[in-house]
């Protein structure tokens, strides 16, 4: 694992670190895979909304079976990246995921909501936090105007232990030729 995220790291360059969370030290490996595209999410890759319609499988490599993790997926660019005045939209949350397993072993507090960006290119970020113990994370009251920093502080999660993101923009409809 690397040390604190350096200035040239994709999470820093994309302003995920800064806009959403503070710099952190990754200590767990998280793998996010959308089954319908059967490819792993890497920082900054482009995804079409049609390729992320169903929730991904998220594997946690690191920690142990006595460690529990919270997974959060947010869009920090609502309603659009040039003026994200509504801030974050919560798209998915799973708590109590045992270390060295995957998201299917956790407790889904907020069901998966597929990305539907209307304006511009949005960042969709997966954060993994280590919990202090099992069943210690409370469900947020709303998906709208979610704030990852505040949520982590309120639930004593500290900084993320892993994160990754993809970019997504509205798909253009096929145009029909006029006759």
N, C-alpha and C. Protein backbone atom coordinates (compact mmCIF):
# COMPACT_ATOMS: atom_id res chain seq x y z
N UNK A 1 0.84 -1.18 0.00
CA UNK A 1 0.00 0.00 0.00
C UNK A 1 0.88 1.24 0.00
N UNK A 2 0.37 2.28 -0.59
CA UNK A 2 1.13 3.52 -0.64
C UNK A 2 0.93 4.34 0.64
N UNK A 3 1.70 5.36 0.76
CA UNK A 3 1.57 6.26 1.91
C UNK A 3 0.46 7.27 1.61
N UNK A 4 0.46 8.40 2.28
CA UNK A 4 -0.57 9.42 2.05
C UNK A 4 -0.63 9.75 0.56
N UNK A 5 -1.81 10.03 0.08
CA UNK A 5 -1.99 10.31 -1.35
C UNK A 5 -1.21 11.55 -1.75
N UNK A 6 -0.35 11.40 -2.74
CA UNK A 6 0.50 12.49 -3.20
C UNK A 6 -0.27 13.39 -4.17
N UNK A 7 0.30 14.54 -4.48
CA UNK A 7 -0.36 15.54 -5.33
C UNK A 7 -0.69 15.02 -6.72
N UNK A 8 0.06 14.02 -7.22
CA UNK A 8 -0.18 13.51 -8.57
C UNK A 8 -1.11 12.29 -8.59
N UNK A 9 -1.68 11.92 -7.45
CA UNK A 9 -2.60 10.79 -7.40
C UNK A 9 -3.93 11.19 -8.05
N UNK A 10 -4.57 10.28 -8.81
CA UNK A 10 -5.84 10.62 -9.49
C UNK A 10 -6.93 11.15 -8.55
N UNK A 11 -7.01 10.67 -7.32
CA UNK A 11 -8.01 11.18 -6.38
C UNK A 11 -7.74 12.63 -5.99
N UNK A 12 -6.48 13.02 -6.00
CA UNK A 12 -6.10 14.40 -5.69
C UNK A 12 -6.28 15.27 -6.94
N UNK A 13 -5.79 14.79 -8.09
CA UNK A 13 -5.91 15.55 -9.34
C UNK A 13 -7.36 15.82 -9.72
N UNK A 14 -8.24 14.87 -9.43
CA UNK A 14 -9.67 15.02 -9.77
C UNK A 14 -10.42 15.83 -8.72
N UNK A 15 -9.75 16.21 -7.66
CA UNK A 15 -10.31 16.98 -6.55
C UNK A 15 -11.32 16.20 -5.70
N UNK A 16 -11.33 14.85 -5.83
CA UNK A 16 -12.13 14.05 -4.90
C UNK A 16 -11.57 14.32 -3.50
N UNK A 17 -10.22 14.23 -3.40
CA UNK A 17 -9.56 14.65 -2.17
C UNK A 17 -9.52 16.17 -2.23
N UNK A 18 -10.15 16.78 -1.30
CA UNK A 18 -10.30 18.24 -1.29
C UNK A 18 -11.78 18.60 -1.31
N UNK A 19 -12.48 18.19 -2.37
CA UNK A 19 -13.91 18.49 -2.48
C UNK A 19 -14.75 17.64 -1.53
N UNK A 20 -14.38 16.37 -1.35
CA UNK A 20 -15.24 15.43 -0.62
C UNK A 20 -14.61 14.93 0.68
N UNK A 21 -13.34 14.56 0.63
CA UNK A 21 -12.64 14.08 1.83
C UNK A 21 -11.26 14.73 1.90
N UNK A 22 -10.64 14.60 3.06
CA UNK A 22 -9.28 15.10 3.24
C UNK A 22 -8.29 14.00 2.83
N UNK A 23 -7.02 14.38 2.68
CA UNK A 23 -6.01 13.38 2.32
C UNK A 23 -5.99 12.26 3.35
N UNK A 24 -5.78 11.06 2.84
CA UNK A 24 -5.78 9.90 3.72
C UNK A 24 -4.72 8.91 3.26
N UNK A 25 -4.47 7.93 4.09
CA UNK A 25 -3.52 6.87 3.78
C UNK A 25 -4.32 5.62 3.43
N UNK A 26 -4.29 5.17 2.17
CA UNK A 26 -4.98 3.91 1.84
C UNK A 26 -4.33 2.75 2.59
N UNK A 27 -5.15 1.94 3.25
CA UNK A 27 -4.60 0.82 4.01
C UNK A 27 -5.27 -0.50 3.68
N UNK A 28 -6.28 -0.45 2.81
CA UNK A 28 -7.02 -1.64 2.39
C UNK A 28 -7.18 -1.56 0.87
N UNK A 29 -7.14 -2.70 0.21
CA UNK A 29 -7.36 -2.73 -1.24
C UNK A 29 -8.83 -3.01 -1.49
N UNK A 30 -9.48 -2.14 -2.27
CA UNK A 30 -10.89 -2.29 -2.61
C UNK A 30 -11.00 -2.47 -4.13
N UNK A 31 -11.73 -3.51 -4.55
CA UNK A 31 -11.94 -3.77 -5.97
C UNK A 31 -13.42 -3.63 -6.27
N UNK A 32 -13.75 -2.72 -7.22
CA UNK A 32 -15.14 -2.47 -7.62
C UNK A 32 -15.32 -3.00 -9.03
N UNK A 33 -16.26 -3.93 -9.20
CA UNK A 33 -16.51 -4.56 -10.50
C UNK A 33 -17.99 -4.50 -10.85
N UNK A 34 -18.29 -3.88 -12.00
CA UNK A 34 -19.65 -3.93 -12.53
C UNK A 34 -19.75 -5.17 -13.40
N UNK A 35 -20.68 -6.04 -13.08
CA UNK A 35 -20.78 -7.33 -13.77
C UNK A 35 -21.21 -7.21 -15.23
N UNK A 36 -22.10 -6.25 -15.54
CA UNK A 36 -22.55 -6.15 -16.93
C UNK A 36 -21.45 -5.65 -17.86
N UNK A 37 -20.40 -5.03 -17.31
CA UNK A 37 -19.28 -4.63 -18.15
C UNK A 37 -18.04 -5.48 -17.85
N UNK A 38 -18.11 -6.26 -16.81
CA UNK A 38 -17.06 -7.18 -16.35
C UNK A 38 -15.65 -6.57 -16.35
N UNK A 39 -15.59 -5.30 -16.01
CA UNK A 39 -14.29 -4.65 -15.87
C UNK A 39 -14.24 -3.92 -14.54
N UNK A 40 -13.05 -3.84 -14.01
CA UNK A 40 -12.82 -3.17 -12.74
C UNK A 40 -12.89 -1.66 -12.91
N UNK A 41 -13.37 -0.98 -11.89
CA UNK A 41 -13.37 0.49 -11.88
C UNK A 41 -11.98 0.95 -11.46
N UNK A 42 -11.37 1.75 -12.30
CA UNK A 42 -10.09 2.38 -11.98
C UNK A 42 -10.31 3.88 -11.91
N UNK A 43 -9.52 4.56 -11.10
CA UNK A 43 -9.68 6.00 -10.92
C UNK A 43 -9.71 6.74 -12.24
N UNK A 44 -10.80 7.48 -12.44
CA UNK A 44 -10.92 8.34 -13.60
C UNK A 44 -11.39 7.70 -14.89
N UNK A 45 -11.69 6.40 -14.86
CA UNK A 45 -12.18 5.77 -16.09
C UNK A 45 -13.56 6.29 -16.43
N UNK A 46 -13.88 6.26 -17.69
CA UNK A 46 -15.18 6.73 -18.18
C UNK A 46 -16.16 5.57 -18.22
N UNK A 47 -17.35 5.78 -17.70
CA UNK A 47 -18.43 4.78 -17.75
C UNK A 47 -19.67 5.44 -18.32
N UNK A 48 -20.41 4.68 -19.10
CA UNK A 48 -21.70 5.16 -19.60
C UNK A 48 -22.77 4.75 -18.59
N UNK A 49 -23.82 5.56 -18.41
CA UNK A 49 -24.89 5.18 -17.48
C UNK A 49 -25.45 3.78 -17.77
N UNK A 50 -25.51 3.39 -19.03
CA UNK A 50 -26.05 2.07 -19.38
C UNK A 50 -25.16 0.92 -18.90
N UNK A 51 -23.90 1.21 -18.55
CA UNK A 51 -23.00 0.16 -18.09
C UNK A 51 -22.93 0.05 -16.56
N UNK A 52 -23.66 0.93 -15.87
CA UNK A 52 -23.63 0.93 -14.40
C UNK A 52 -25.05 0.91 -13.82
N UNK A 53 -25.94 0.20 -14.48
CA UNK A 53 -27.35 0.17 -14.06
C UNK A 53 -27.59 -0.68 -12.82
N UNK A 54 -26.77 -1.70 -12.61
CA UNK A 54 -26.95 -2.57 -11.44
C UNK A 54 -25.77 -2.41 -10.51
N UNK A 55 -26.01 -2.66 -9.23
CA UNK A 55 -24.95 -2.46 -8.25
C UNK A 55 -23.76 -3.36 -8.54
N UNK A 56 -22.56 -2.82 -8.29
CA UNK A 56 -21.35 -3.59 -8.54
C UNK A 56 -21.05 -4.54 -7.38
N UNK A 57 -20.10 -5.40 -7.62
CA UNK A 57 -19.54 -6.24 -6.55
C UNK A 57 -18.32 -5.49 -6.05
N UNK A 58 -18.22 -5.33 -4.75
CA UNK A 58 -17.10 -4.62 -4.16
C UNK A 58 -16.39 -5.57 -3.21
N UNK A 59 -15.14 -5.90 -3.53
CA UNK A 59 -14.34 -6.81 -2.72
C UNK A 59 -13.38 -6.02 -1.85
N UNK A 60 -13.18 -6.53 -0.64
CA UNK A 60 -12.26 -5.90 0.30
C UNK A 60 -11.12 -6.88 0.55
N UNK A 61 -9.92 -6.43 0.21
CA UNK A 61 -8.72 -7.24 0.43
C UNK A 61 -7.89 -6.53 1.49
N UNK A 62 -7.88 -7.08 2.66
CA UNK A 62 -7.17 -6.46 3.76
C UNK A 62 -8.06 -6.48 4.99
N UNK A 63 -7.48 -6.15 6.09
CA UNK A 63 -8.24 -6.25 7.33
C UNK A 63 -8.37 -7.71 7.71
N UNK A 64 -9.33 -8.03 8.53
CA UNK A 64 -9.58 -9.42 8.92
C UNK A 64 -11.06 -9.58 9.19
N UNK A 65 -11.48 -10.79 9.50
CA UNK A 65 -12.90 -11.06 9.71
C UNK A 65 -13.47 -10.36 10.95
N UNK A 66 -12.60 -9.83 11.81
CA UNK A 66 -13.08 -9.09 12.98
C UNK A 66 -13.22 -7.61 12.69
N UNK A 67 -12.78 -7.16 11.50
CA UNK A 67 -12.92 -5.76 11.10
C UNK A 67 -14.20 -5.60 10.28
N UNK A 68 -14.86 -4.46 10.46
CA UNK A 68 -16.07 -4.18 9.70
C UNK A 68 -15.90 -2.85 8.98
N UNK A 69 -16.48 -2.79 7.78
CA UNK A 69 -16.30 -1.63 6.91
C UNK A 69 -17.64 -1.08 6.44
N UNK A 70 -17.64 0.22 6.13
CA UNK A 70 -18.78 0.90 5.53
C UNK A 70 -18.37 1.35 4.14
N UNK A 71 -19.22 1.04 3.16
CA UNK A 71 -19.03 1.45 1.77
C UNK A 71 -20.04 2.53 1.44
N UNK A 72 -19.56 3.63 0.88
CA UNK A 72 -20.41 4.73 0.46
C UNK A 72 -20.11 5.04 -1.00
N UNK A 73 -21.16 5.24 -1.80
CA UNK A 73 -21.01 5.71 -3.18
C UNK A 73 -21.74 7.04 -3.29
N UNK A 74 -21.03 8.07 -3.73
CA UNK A 74 -21.65 9.39 -3.86
C UNK A 74 -21.30 10.03 -5.20
N UNK A 75 -22.14 11.02 -5.56
CA UNK A 75 -21.89 11.90 -6.69
C UNK A 75 -21.71 13.30 -6.11
N UNK A 76 -20.48 13.83 -6.09
CA UNK A 76 -20.26 15.16 -5.51
C UNK A 76 -20.53 16.31 -6.47
N UNK A 77 -21.08 16.03 -7.64
CA UNK A 77 -21.23 17.05 -8.69
C UNK A 77 -22.68 17.37 -9.02
N UNK A 78 -23.54 17.43 -8.02
CA UNK A 78 -24.97 17.65 -8.25
C UNK A 78 -25.29 19.13 -8.13
N UNK A 79 -26.02 19.75 -9.06
CA UNK A 79 -26.60 19.17 -10.26
C UNK A 79 -25.63 19.06 -11.43
N UNK A 80 -24.53 19.85 -11.39
CA UNK A 80 -23.53 19.79 -12.46
C UNK A 80 -22.17 20.15 -11.92
N UNK A 81 -21.11 19.66 -12.56
CA UNK A 81 -19.75 19.88 -12.05
C UNK A 81 -19.30 21.34 -12.02
N UNK A 82 -19.85 22.20 -12.89
CA UNK A 82 -19.41 23.59 -12.89
C UNK A 82 -20.04 24.38 -11.73
N UNK A 83 -21.16 23.92 -11.20
CA UNK A 83 -21.81 24.58 -10.07
C UNK A 83 -22.53 23.53 -9.21
N UNK A 84 -21.76 22.76 -8.44
CA UNK A 84 -22.36 21.67 -7.66
C UNK A 84 -22.97 22.16 -6.35
N UNK A 85 -23.89 23.13 -6.44
CA UNK A 85 -24.44 23.75 -5.24
C UNK A 85 -25.26 22.80 -4.37
N UNK A 86 -25.74 21.69 -4.94
CA UNK A 86 -26.48 20.71 -4.13
C UNK A 86 -25.53 19.69 -3.51
N UNK A 87 -24.25 19.83 -3.83
CA UNK A 87 -23.19 18.97 -3.30
C UNK A 87 -23.42 17.50 -3.61
N UNK A 88 -23.29 16.66 -2.61
CA UNK A 88 -23.29 15.22 -2.85
C UNK A 88 -24.70 14.62 -2.87
N UNK A 89 -24.82 13.62 -3.73
CA UNK A 89 -26.01 12.76 -3.77
C UNK A 89 -25.52 11.39 -3.36
N UNK A 90 -26.15 10.80 -2.35
CA UNK A 90 -25.79 9.47 -1.90
C UNK A 90 -26.43 8.44 -2.83
N UNK A 91 -25.61 7.57 -3.42
CA UNK A 91 -26.12 6.57 -4.36
C UNK A 91 -26.18 5.17 -3.77
N UNK A 92 -25.43 4.91 -2.70
CA UNK A 92 -25.41 3.55 -2.16
C UNK A 92 -24.67 3.56 -0.83
N UNK A 93 -25.15 2.73 0.12
CA UNK A 93 -24.43 2.59 1.38
C UNK A 93 -24.64 1.19 1.94
N UNK A 94 -23.51 0.57 2.29
CA UNK A 94 -23.52 -0.74 2.93
C UNK A 94 -22.62 -0.66 4.16
N UNK A 95 -23.11 -1.16 5.28
CA UNK A 95 -22.33 -1.17 6.52
C UNK A 95 -22.05 -2.61 6.93
N UNK A 96 -21.22 -2.74 7.94
CA UNK A 96 -20.92 -4.04 8.57
C UNK A 96 -20.39 -5.09 7.58
N UNK A 97 -19.57 -4.65 6.63
CA UNK A 97 -18.95 -5.59 5.69
C UNK A 97 -17.71 -6.17 6.38
N UNK A 98 -17.67 -7.49 6.61
CA UNK A 98 -16.48 -8.07 7.24
C UNK A 98 -15.25 -7.94 6.32
N UNK A 99 -14.10 -7.70 6.93
CA UNK A 99 -12.86 -7.64 6.16
C UNK A 99 -12.62 -8.93 5.40
N UNK A 100 -11.91 -8.85 4.30
CA UNK A 100 -11.56 -9.96 3.41
C UNK A 100 -12.79 -10.61 2.76
N UNK A 101 -13.92 -9.89 2.69
CA UNK A 101 -15.11 -10.43 2.00
C UNK A 101 -15.53 -9.43 0.93
N UNK A 102 -16.81 -9.43 0.59
CA UNK A 102 -17.30 -8.46 -0.38
C UNK A 102 -18.60 -7.83 0.12
N UNK A 103 -19.11 -6.87 -0.63
CA UNK A 103 -20.26 -6.07 -0.21
C UNK A 103 -21.51 -6.90 0.03
N UNK A 104 -21.62 -8.07 -0.56
CA UNK A 104 -22.82 -8.90 -0.37
C UNK A 104 -22.93 -9.42 1.06
N UNK A 105 -21.85 -9.35 1.84
CA UNK A 105 -21.88 -9.82 3.23
C UNK A 105 -22.27 -8.71 4.21
N UNK A 106 -22.45 -7.50 3.71
CA UNK A 106 -22.78 -6.38 4.58
C UNK A 106 -24.27 -6.12 4.69
N UNK A 107 -24.61 -5.03 5.35
CA UNK A 107 -25.99 -4.62 5.58
C UNK A 107 -26.28 -3.39 4.71
N UNK A 108 -27.09 -3.55 3.67
CA UNK A 108 -27.40 -2.45 2.76
C UNK A 108 -28.38 -1.49 3.41
N UNK A 109 -27.88 -0.31 3.84
CA UNK A 109 -28.73 0.69 4.47
C UNK A 109 -29.43 1.58 3.45
N UNK A 110 -28.74 1.86 2.34
CA UNK A 110 -29.30 2.68 1.27
C UNK A 110 -29.12 1.91 -0.03
N UNK A 111 -30.23 1.59 -0.69
CA UNK A 111 -30.17 0.77 -1.91
C UNK A 111 -29.45 1.50 -3.04
N UNK A 112 -28.92 0.71 -3.95
CA UNK A 112 -28.15 1.24 -5.08
C UNK A 112 -29.04 2.08 -5.99
N UNK A 113 -28.57 3.25 -6.33
CA UNK A 113 -29.25 4.14 -7.27
C UNK A 113 -28.28 4.38 -8.42
N UNK A 114 -28.69 3.98 -9.62
CA UNK A 114 -27.78 4.11 -10.77
C UNK A 114 -27.50 5.58 -11.09
N UNK A 115 -26.31 5.86 -11.61
CA UNK A 115 -25.96 7.22 -12.02
C UNK A 115 -26.85 7.71 -13.17
N UNK A 116 -27.30 8.95 -13.04
CA UNK A 116 -28.10 9.61 -14.09
C UNK A 116 -27.66 11.08 -14.21
N UNK A 117 -26.44 11.30 -14.65
CA UNK A 117 -25.98 12.69 -14.76
C UNK A 117 -26.73 13.42 -15.88
N UNK A 118 -27.15 14.65 -15.60
CA UNK A 118 -27.86 15.45 -16.60
C UNK A 118 -26.95 16.44 -17.31
N UNK A 119 -26.08 17.07 -16.54
CA UNK A 119 -25.23 18.14 -17.07
C UNK A 119 -23.77 17.82 -16.80
N UNK A 120 -22.95 17.76 -17.83
CA UNK A 120 -21.51 17.60 -17.65
C UNK A 120 -21.07 16.22 -17.24
N UNK A 121 -19.79 16.13 -16.92
CA UNK A 121 -19.16 14.87 -16.51
C UNK A 121 -19.14 14.83 -14.98
N UNK A 122 -19.79 13.83 -14.41
CA UNK A 122 -19.86 13.67 -12.95
C UNK A 122 -18.86 12.64 -12.48
N UNK A 123 -18.37 12.83 -11.26
CA UNK A 123 -17.52 11.85 -10.59
C UNK A 123 -18.41 11.00 -9.68
N UNK A 124 -18.27 9.70 -9.78
CA UNK A 124 -18.99 8.79 -8.87
C UNK A 124 -17.92 8.09 -8.05
N UNK A 125 -17.98 8.31 -6.73
CA UNK A 125 -16.89 7.91 -5.85
C UNK A 125 -17.34 6.83 -4.88
N UNK A 126 -16.51 5.81 -4.76
CA UNK A 126 -16.69 4.75 -3.76
C UNK A 126 -15.68 4.99 -2.65
N UNK A 127 -16.18 5.13 -1.43
CA UNK A 127 -15.32 5.28 -0.26
C UNK A 127 -15.52 4.08 0.64
N UNK A 128 -14.43 3.61 1.22
CA UNK A 128 -14.49 2.53 2.20
C UNK A 128 -13.92 3.06 3.51
N UNK A 129 -14.70 2.92 4.58
CA UNK A 129 -14.31 3.35 5.92
C UNK A 129 -14.27 2.16 6.85
N UNK A 130 -13.31 2.15 7.76
CA UNK A 130 -13.26 1.10 8.78
C UNK A 130 -14.11 1.55 9.96
N UNK A 131 -15.02 0.68 10.39
CA UNK A 131 -15.91 0.99 11.50
C UNK A 131 -15.22 0.69 12.83
N UNK A 132 -15.68 1.35 13.89
CA UNK A 132 -15.17 1.09 15.25
C UNK A 132 -15.63 -0.26 15.76
N UNK A 133 -16.79 -0.71 15.28
CA UNK A 133 -17.36 -1.98 15.69
C UNK A 133 -18.56 -2.29 14.82
N UNK A 134 -19.17 -3.42 15.07
CA UNK A 134 -20.33 -3.83 14.28
C UNK A 134 -21.56 -3.04 14.71
N UNK A 135 -22.40 -2.72 13.77
CA UNK A 135 -23.66 -2.00 13.99
C UNK A 135 -23.46 -0.68 14.72
N UNK A 136 -22.45 0.07 14.28
CA UNK A 136 -22.16 1.37 14.90
C UNK A 136 -22.47 2.53 13.97
N UNK A 137 -22.93 2.25 12.75
CA UNK A 137 -23.18 3.30 11.76
C UNK A 137 -24.69 3.49 11.60
N UNK A 138 -25.12 4.74 11.70
CA UNK A 138 -26.53 5.08 11.55
C UNK A 138 -26.85 5.44 10.11
N UNK A 139 -28.05 5.11 9.69
CA UNK A 139 -28.52 5.40 8.33
C UNK A 139 -28.75 6.91 8.20
N UNK A 140 -28.30 7.50 7.09
CA UNK A 140 -28.56 8.93 6.89
C UNK A 140 -30.05 9.19 6.67
N UNK A 141 -30.47 10.41 6.91
CA UNK A 141 -31.89 10.76 6.77
C UNK A 141 -32.30 10.99 5.33
N UNK A 142 -31.32 11.27 4.45
CA UNK A 142 -31.65 11.58 3.06
C UNK A 142 -30.48 11.28 2.14
N UNK A 143 -30.78 11.00 0.89
CA UNK A 143 -29.74 10.87 -0.14
C UNK A 143 -29.25 12.24 -0.59
N UNK A 144 -30.18 13.21 -0.58
CA UNK A 144 -29.89 14.56 -1.07
C UNK A 144 -28.99 15.32 -0.10
N UNK A 145 -28.13 16.16 -0.68
CA UNK A 145 -27.23 17.02 0.10
C UNK A 145 -26.43 16.23 1.14
N UNK A 146 -26.06 15.03 0.77
CA UNK A 146 -25.24 14.19 1.65
C UNK A 146 -23.86 14.82 1.76
N UNK A 147 -23.20 14.61 2.89
CA UNK A 147 -21.86 15.13 3.09
C UNK A 147 -21.01 14.02 3.69
N UNK A 148 -20.09 13.51 2.89
CA UNK A 148 -19.25 12.38 3.34
C UNK A 148 -18.44 12.74 4.56
N UNK A 149 -17.83 13.92 4.58
CA UNK A 149 -17.02 14.33 5.74
C UNK A 149 -17.86 14.33 7.02
N UNK A 150 -19.02 14.99 6.96
CA UNK A 150 -19.88 15.07 8.14
C UNK A 150 -20.37 13.69 8.57
N UNK A 151 -20.76 12.88 7.59
CA UNK A 151 -21.25 11.54 7.91
C UNK A 151 -20.16 10.72 8.61
N UNK A 152 -18.95 10.78 8.09
CA UNK A 152 -17.84 10.03 8.69
C UNK A 152 -17.57 10.53 10.11
N UNK A 153 -17.63 11.83 10.31
CA UNK A 153 -17.39 12.39 11.64
C UNK A 153 -18.50 11.99 12.61
N UNK A 154 -19.76 12.09 12.19
CA UNK A 154 -20.90 11.75 13.05
C UNK A 154 -20.89 10.28 13.47
N UNK A 155 -20.35 9.41 12.62
CA UNK A 155 -20.33 7.98 12.90
C UNK A 155 -18.96 7.47 13.34
N UNK A 156 -18.05 8.41 13.66
CA UNK A 156 -16.72 8.09 14.15
C UNK A 156 -15.98 7.12 13.23
N UNK A 157 -16.05 7.40 11.92
CA UNK A 157 -15.40 6.54 10.93
C UNK A 157 -13.98 7.00 10.59
N UNK A 158 -13.67 8.24 10.88
CA UNK A 158 -12.35 8.76 10.53
C UNK A 158 -12.22 8.97 9.03
N UNK A 159 -11.00 8.88 8.54
CA UNK A 159 -10.73 9.05 7.11
C UNK A 159 -10.95 7.73 6.38
N UNK A 160 -11.18 7.77 5.07
CA UNK A 160 -11.33 6.52 4.31
C UNK A 160 -10.07 5.67 4.40
N UNK A 161 -10.25 4.37 4.21
CA UNK A 161 -9.11 3.45 4.11
C UNK A 161 -8.88 3.04 2.66
N UNK A 162 -9.86 3.36 1.79
CA UNK A 162 -9.74 3.10 0.35
C UNK A 162 -10.77 3.96 -0.37
N UNK A 163 -10.48 4.27 -1.63
CA UNK A 163 -11.42 5.02 -2.46
C UNK A 163 -11.07 4.81 -3.93
N UNK A 164 -12.08 4.90 -4.76
CA UNK A 164 -11.90 4.88 -6.22
C UNK A 164 -13.08 5.59 -6.83
N UNK A 165 -12.92 6.07 -8.08
CA UNK A 165 -14.02 6.78 -8.71
C UNK A 165 -14.00 6.55 -10.22
N UNK A 166 -15.17 6.78 -10.82
CA UNK A 166 -15.26 6.80 -12.28
C UNK A 166 -16.00 8.05 -12.70
N UNK A 167 -15.81 8.42 -13.95
CA UNK A 167 -16.50 9.56 -14.54
C UNK A 167 -17.66 9.06 -15.38
N UNK A 168 -18.74 9.83 -15.41
CA UNK A 168 -19.92 9.42 -16.15
C UNK A 168 -20.65 10.66 -16.65
N UNK A 169 -21.12 10.58 -17.88
CA UNK A 169 -21.92 11.67 -18.42
C UNK A 169 -23.13 11.11 -19.16
N UNK A 170 -24.08 11.98 -19.37
CA UNK A 170 -25.32 11.59 -20.02
C UNK A 170 -25.02 11.01 -21.40
N UNK A 171 -25.71 9.90 -21.70
CA UNK A 171 -25.55 9.30 -23.03
C UNK A 171 -26.41 10.05 -24.02
N UNK A 172 -25.87 10.26 -25.18
CA UNK A 172 -26.66 10.94 -26.22
C UNK A 172 -27.57 9.92 -26.88
N UNK A 173 -28.77 10.35 -27.19
CA UNK A 173 -29.72 9.47 -27.86
C UNK A 173 -29.32 9.35 -29.33
N UNK A 174 -29.52 8.18 -29.92
CA UNK A 174 -29.21 8.03 -31.34
C UNK A 174 -30.11 8.95 -32.15
N UNK A 175 -29.52 9.61 -33.10
CA UNK A 175 -30.29 10.55 -33.93
C UNK A 175 -30.80 9.84 -35.18
N UNK A 176 -32.00 10.16 -35.50
CA UNK A 176 -32.59 9.59 -36.72
C UNK A 176 -32.39 10.54 -37.87
N UNK A 177 -32.13 9.97 -38.99
CA UNK A 177 -31.93 10.76 -40.18
C UNK A 177 -33.30 11.18 -40.74
N UNK A 178 -33.43 12.45 -41.06
CA UNK A 178 -34.67 12.93 -41.66
C UNK A 178 -34.68 12.61 -43.14
N UNK A 179 -35.84 12.28 -43.63
CA UNK A 179 -35.97 11.97 -45.06
C UNK A 179 -36.63 13.07 -45.82
